[in-house]
Amino acid sequence: MRTVQCLSYTGQPSNECADSLRPTTMQQCESKCDATPISNGDECKDVNKVAYCPLVLKFKFCSRAYFRQMCCKTCQGH
């Protein structure tokens, strides 16, 4: 299961997402779920404060482990 949110390019909540582009809330994993649960003591945050994390999201690089780790907050739920 995942949470689907509409976010602006800056990562802020937005109401301007088309419902037709919204992914389903649930879908079958192809082989294994790749998400690594975050332990209670770890905080999910973007490592760099530069503006490339919104680009990582825009170009759908959140599926790549390096970008998912560096842009954890931005990629959360994607």
C-alpha atoms as a PDB file:
ATOM      1  CA  MET A   1       0.000   0.000   0.000  1.00  0.00           C
ATOM      2  CA  ARG A   2       1.200   3.531  -0.586  1.00  0.00           C
ATOM      3  CA  THR A   3       0.028   7.050   0.083  1.00  0.00           C
ATOM      4  CA  VAL A   4      -0.601   9.155  -3.008  1.00  0.00           C
ATOM      5  CA  GLN A   5      -0.200  12.908  -2.589  1.00  0.00           C
ATOM      6  CA  CYS A   6      -0.369  15.833  -4.973  1.00  0.00           C
ATOM      7  CA  LEU A   7       2.714  18.019  -4.466  1.00  0.00           C
ATOM      8  CA  SER A   8       3.975  21.135  -6.189  1.00  0.00           C
ATOM      9  CA  TYR A   9       7.468  21.223  -7.714  1.00  0.00           C
ATOM     10  CA  THR A  10       8.723  22.524  -4.358  1.00  0.00           C
ATOM     11  CA  GLY A  11       7.288  19.497  -2.535  1.00  0.00           C
ATOM     12  CA  GLN A  12       4.407  21.406  -0.917  1.00  0.00           C
ATOM     13  CA  PRO A  13       0.846  19.961  -0.921  1.00  0.00           C
ATOM     14  CA  SER A  14      -1.140  21.085  -3.963  1.00  0.00           C
ATOM     15  CA  ASN A  15      -4.675  20.712  -5.338  1.00  0.00           C
ATOM     16  CA  GLU A  16      -3.602  21.105  -8.966  1.00  0.00           C
ATOM     17  CA  CYS A  17      -3.029  17.433  -9.889  1.00  0.00           C
ATOM     18  CA  ALA A  18      -5.234  15.837 -12.532  1.00  0.00           C
ATOM     19  CA  ASP A  19      -7.201  12.873 -11.148  1.00  0.00           C
ATOM     20  CA  SER A  20      -6.577  11.034 -14.423  1.00  0.00           C
ATOM     21  CA  LEU A  21      -2.796  11.110 -13.725  1.00  0.00           C
ATOM     22  CA  ARG A  22      -3.113   9.966 -10.122  1.00  0.00           C
ATOM     23  CA  PRO A  23      -1.675   6.457  -9.596  1.00  0.00           C
ATOM     24  CA  THR A  24      -3.692   3.797  -7.797  1.00  0.00           C
ATOM     25  CA  THR A  25      -3.370   3.550  -4.013  1.00  0.00           C
ATOM     26  CA  MET A  26      -2.533  -0.159  -4.211  1.00  0.00           C
ATOM     27  CA  GLN A  27      -0.800  -2.282  -6.815  1.00  0.00           C
ATOM     28  CA  GLN A  28       0.875  -5.678  -6.951  1.00  0.00           C
ATOM     29  CA  CYS A  29       4.684  -5.609  -6.726  1.00  0.00           C
ATOM     30  CA  GLU A  30       6.317  -7.119  -9.819  1.00  0.00           C
ATOM     31  CA  SER A  31       8.815  -9.269  -7.940  1.00  0.00           C
ATOM     32  CA  LYS A  32       9.555  -7.917  -4.489  1.00  0.00           C
ATOM     33  CA  CYS A  33       8.702  -4.675  -2.786  1.00  0.00           C
ATOM     34  CA  ASP A  34      11.787  -2.486  -2.911  1.00  0.00           C
ATOM     35  CA  ALA A  35      10.829  -0.081  -0.147  1.00  0.00           C
ATOM     36  CA  THR A  36      13.014  -0.204   2.931  1.00  0.00           C
ATOM     37  CA  PRO A  37      11.120   0.579   6.118  1.00  0.00           C
ATOM     38  CA  ILE A  38      12.541   3.447   8.127  1.00  0.00           C
ATOM     39  CA  SER A  39      13.227   2.565  11.746  1.00  0.00           C
ATOM     40  CA  ASN A  40      11.697   4.754  14.429  1.00  0.00           C
ATOM     41  CA  GLY A  41      14.999   6.471  15.243  1.00  0.00           C
ATOM     42  CA  ASP A  42      15.760   7.527  11.661  1.00  0.00           C
ATOM     43  CA  GLU A  43      14.270  10.655  10.168  1.00  0.00           C
ATOM     44  CA  CYS A  44      13.380  10.709   6.489  1.00  0.00           C
ATOM     45  CA  LYS A  45      14.735  13.950   5.033  1.00  0.00           C
ATOM     46  CA  ASP A  46      16.344  15.219   1.873  1.00  0.00           C
ATOM     47  CA  VAL A  47      20.130  15.116   2.314  1.00  0.00           C
ATOM     48  CA  ASN A  48      20.827  18.130   0.122  1.00  0.00           C
ATOM     49  CA  LYS A  49      18.934  21.374   0.403  1.00  0.00           C
ATOM     50  CA  VAL A  50      19.595  22.141  -3.266  1.00  0.00           C
ATOM     51  CA  ALA A  51      16.714  22.117  -5.715  1.00  0.00           C
ATOM     52  CA  TYR A  52      17.480  18.828  -7.440  1.00  0.00           C
ATOM     53  CA  CYS A  53      15.132  16.649  -5.352  1.00  0.00           C
ATOM     54  CA  PRO A  54      12.023  18.046  -7.095  1.00  0.00           C
ATOM     55  CA  LEU A  55      13.734  17.158 -10.394  1.00  0.00           C
ATOM     56  CA  VAL A  56      14.367  13.620  -9.115  1.00  0.00           C
ATOM     57  CA  LEU A  57      10.620  13.350  -8.521  1.00  0.00           C
ATOM     58  CA  LYS A  58       9.722  14.991 -11.846  1.00  0.00           C
ATOM     59  CA  PHE A  59      11.921  12.625 -13.869  1.00  0.00           C
ATOM     60  CA  LYS A  60      10.777   9.580 -11.817  1.00  0.00           C
ATOM     61  CA  PHE A  61      14.204   8.729 -10.396  1.00  0.00           C
ATOM     62  CA  CYS A  62      12.760   7.912  -6.947  1.00  0.00           C
ATOM     63  CA  SER A  63      12.777   4.234  -7.921  1.00  0.00           C
ATOM     64  CA  ARG A  64      16.591   4.311  -7.926  1.00  0.00           C
ATOM     65  CA  ALA A  65      18.074   3.543  -4.505  1.00  0.00           C
ATOM     66  CA  TYR A  66      20.633   6.395  -4.549  1.00  0.00           C
ATOM     67  CA  PHE A  67      18.064   9.091  -5.323  1.00  0.00           C
ATOM     68  CA  ARG A  68      15.502   7.555  -2.952  1.00  0.00           C
ATOM     69  CA  GLN A  69      18.072   7.818  -0.158  1.00  0.00           C
ATOM     70  CA  MET A  70      19.315  11.325  -1.027  1.00  0.00           C
ATOM     71  CA  CYS A  71      15.787  12.678  -1.540  1.00  0.00           C
ATOM     72  CA  CYS A  72      13.941  10.571   1.037  1.00  0.00           C
ATOM     73  CA  LYS A  73      11.393  13.249   2.014  1.00  0.00           C
ATOM     74  CA  THR A  74      10.656  14.228  -1.598  1.00  0.00           C
ATOM     75  CA  CYS A  75      10.404  10.613  -2.780  1.00  0.00           C
ATOM     76  CA  GLN A  76       8.325   9.405   0.158  1.00  0.00           C
ATOM     77  CA  GLY A  77       5.198   7.705  -1.208  1.00  0.00           C
ATOM     78  CA  HIS A  78       6.424   7.665  -4.823  1.00  0.00           C
END
